[in-house]
């Protein structure tokens, strides 16, 4: 598996986690709702950035931009926090 398909797999996994949380978002408390709303904006931005990168990856093996990787990590850690908040 090359680096680009690994990234695409990570994005897909993140999307699945997002979908799980979206189904439970009505259970969030006020602070969690604020974080969810910010993460939704970040998710949309990530999707806009990844789509052209994924298309370019078919032609080259270039890395995803640093800002996109940081955005991905931020969204993932936010989703993990929200998931944990639902458990607590």
C-alpha atoms as a PDB file:
ATOM      1  CA  UNK A   1       0.000   0.000   0.000  1.00  0.00           C
ATOM      2  CA  UNK A   2       1.491   3.342  -0.947  1.00  0.00           C
ATOM      3  CA  UNK A   3       1.354   6.448   1.198  1.00  0.00           C
ATOM      4  CA  UNK A   4      -1.492   8.021  -0.782  1.00  0.00           C
ATOM      5  CA  UNK A   5      -3.818   5.042  -0.445  1.00  0.00           C
ATOM      6  CA  UNK A   6      -2.974   4.924   3.262  1.00  0.00           C
ATOM      7  CA  UNK A   7      -4.039   8.566   3.602  1.00  0.00           C
ATOM      8  CA  UNK A   8      -7.259   7.905   1.718  1.00  0.00           C
ATOM      9  CA  UNK A   9      -7.944   4.946   4.007  1.00  0.00           C
ATOM     10  CA  UNK A  10      -7.379   7.196   7.054  1.00  0.00           C
ATOM     11  CA  UNK A  11      -9.816   9.776   5.646  1.00  0.00           C
ATOM     12  CA  UNK A  12     -12.419   7.064   5.103  1.00  0.00           C
ATOM     13  CA  UNK A  13     -11.947   5.826   8.670  1.00  0.00           C
ATOM     14  CA  UNK A  14     -12.295   9.374   9.981  1.00  0.00           C
ATOM     15  CA  UNK A  15     -15.503   9.748   7.970  1.00  0.00           C
ATOM     16  CA  UNK A  16     -16.922   6.616   9.570  1.00  0.00           C
ATOM     17  CA  UNK A  17     -16.134   7.942  13.046  1.00  0.00           C
ATOM     18  CA  UNK A  18     -17.793  11.236  12.071  1.00  0.00           C
ATOM     19  CA  UNK A  19     -20.899   9.397  10.875  1.00  0.00           C
ATOM     20  CA  UNK A  20     -21.155   7.513  14.178  1.00  0.00           C
ATOM     21  CA  UNK A  21     -20.890  10.745  16.147  1.00  0.00           C
ATOM     22  CA  UNK A  22     -23.345  12.534  13.881  1.00  0.00           C
ATOM     23  CA  UNK A  23     -25.985   9.950  14.756  1.00  0.00           C
ATOM     24  CA  UNK A  24     -25.432  10.653  18.452  1.00  0.00           C
ATOM     25  CA  UNK A  25     -24.875  14.423  18.210  1.00  0.00           C
ATOM     26  CA  UNK A  26     -28.282  15.200  19.681  1.00  0.00           C
ATOM     27  CA  UNK A  27     -26.945  13.812  22.977  1.00  0.00           C
ATOM     28  CA  UNK A  28     -24.062  16.318  23.201  1.00  0.00           C
ATOM     29  CA  UNK A  29     -23.994  18.859  25.998  1.00  0.00           C
ATOM     30  CA  UNK A  30     -23.521  22.557  25.175  1.00  0.00           C
ATOM     31  CA  UNK A  31     -19.695  22.544  25.100  1.00  0.00           C
ATOM     32  CA  UNK A  32     -19.636  19.363  23.045  1.00  0.00           C
ATOM     33  CA  UNK A  33     -22.116  20.881  20.579  1.00  0.00           C
ATOM     34  CA  UNK A  34     -19.808  23.869  20.107  1.00  0.00           C
ATOM     35  CA  UNK A  35     -16.871  21.565  19.456  1.00  0.00           C
ATOM     36  CA  UNK A  36     -18.998  19.445  17.102  1.00  0.00           C
ATOM     37  CA  UNK A  37     -19.956  22.532  15.080  1.00  0.00           C
ATOM     38  CA  UNK A  38     -16.297  23.545  14.758  1.00  0.00           C
ATOM     39  CA  UNK A  39     -15.315  20.015  13.766  1.00  0.00           C
ATOM     40  CA  UNK A  40     -18.046  19.993  11.110  1.00  0.00           C
ATOM     41  CA  UNK A  41     -16.549  23.171   9.589  1.00  0.00           C
ATOM     42  CA  UNK A  42     -13.088  21.589   9.716  1.00  0.00           C
ATOM     43  CA  UNK A  43     -14.423  18.361   8.149  1.00  0.00           C
ATOM     44  CA  UNK A  44     -15.854  20.296   5.214  1.00  0.00           C
ATOM     45  CA  UNK A  45     -12.539  22.094   4.765  1.00  0.00           C
ATOM     46  CA  UNK A  46     -10.641  18.796   4.890  1.00  0.00           C
ATOM     47  CA  UNK A  47     -12.927  17.255   2.278  1.00  0.00           C
ATOM     48  CA  UNK A  48     -12.354  20.279  -0.009  1.00  0.00           C
ATOM     49  CA  UNK A  49      -8.572  19.968   0.396  1.00  0.00           C
ATOM     50  CA  UNK A  50      -8.355  16.186   0.096  1.00  0.00           C
ATOM     51  CA  UNK A  51     -10.435  15.813  -3.056  1.00  0.00           C
ATOM     52  CA  UNK A  52      -7.952  17.592  -5.335  1.00  0.00           C
ATOM     53  CA  UNK A  53      -5.060  15.916  -3.523  1.00  0.00           C
ATOM     54  CA  UNK A  54      -6.599  12.479  -4.031  1.00  0.00           C
ATOM     55  CA  UNK A  55      -7.097  13.200  -7.713  1.00  0.00           C
ATOM     56  CA  UNK A  56      -3.501  14.398  -8.026  1.00  0.00           C
ATOM     57  CA  UNK A  57      -2.316  11.306  -6.145  1.00  0.00           C
ATOM     58  CA  UNK A  58      -3.451   9.168  -9.042  1.00  0.00           C
ATOM     59  CA  UNK A  59      -0.854  10.922 -11.166  1.00  0.00           C
ATOM     60  CA  UNK A  60       1.918  11.378  -8.596  1.00  0.00           C
ATOM     61  CA  UNK A  61       3.005  10.124  -5.217  1.00  0.00           C
ATOM     62  CA  UNK A  62       3.274  13.582  -3.620  1.00  0.00           C
ATOM     63  CA  UNK A  63       2.454  14.029   0.049  1.00  0.00           C
ATOM     64  CA  UNK A  64      -0.617  15.742   1.383  1.00  0.00           C
ATOM     65  CA  UNK A  65       0.095  19.306   2.365  1.00  0.00           C
ATOM     66  CA  UNK A  66       1.195  19.920   5.934  1.00  0.00           C
ATOM     67  CA  UNK A  67      -1.904  22.005   6.687  1.00  0.00           C
ATOM     68  CA  UNK A  68      -4.153  19.154   5.530  1.00  0.00           C
ATOM     69  CA  UNK A  69      -2.350  16.651   7.765  1.00  0.00           C
ATOM     70  CA  UNK A  70      -2.670  19.001  10.737  1.00  0.00           C
ATOM     71  CA  UNK A  71      -6.353  19.535   9.986  1.00  0.00           C
ATOM     72  CA  UNK A  72      -6.870  15.768   9.810  1.00  0.00           C
ATOM     73  CA  UNK A  73      -5.150  15.242  13.169  1.00  0.00           C
ATOM     74  CA  UNK A  74      -7.168  18.016  14.796  1.00  0.00           C
ATOM     75  CA  UNK A  75     -10.463  16.623  13.556  1.00  0.00           C
ATOM     76  CA  UNK A  76      -9.552  13.112  14.632  1.00  0.00           C
ATOM     77  CA  UNK A  77      -8.583  14.164  18.145  1.00  0.00           C
ATOM     78  CA  UNK A  78     -11.789  16.201  18.419  1.00  0.00           C
ATOM     79  CA  UNK A  79     -13.912  13.257  17.341  1.00  0.00           C
ATOM     80  CA  UNK A  80     -12.162  11.036  19.875  1.00  0.00           C
ATOM     81  CA  UNK A  81     -12.848  13.599  22.646  1.00  0.00           C
ATOM     82  CA  UNK A  82     -16.516  13.807  21.676  1.00  0.00           C
ATOM     83  CA  UNK A  83     -16.845  10.041  21.555  1.00  0.00           C
ATOM     84  CA  UNK A  84     -15.313   9.815  25.020  1.00  0.00           C
ATOM     85  CA  UNK A  85     -17.670  12.540  26.291  1.00  0.00           C
ATOM     86  CA  UNK A  86     -20.619  10.434  25.180  1.00  0.00           C
ATOM     87  CA  UNK A  87     -19.271   7.476  27.148  1.00  0.00           C
ATOM     88  CA  UNK A  88     -18.584   9.487  30.320  1.00  0.00           C
END
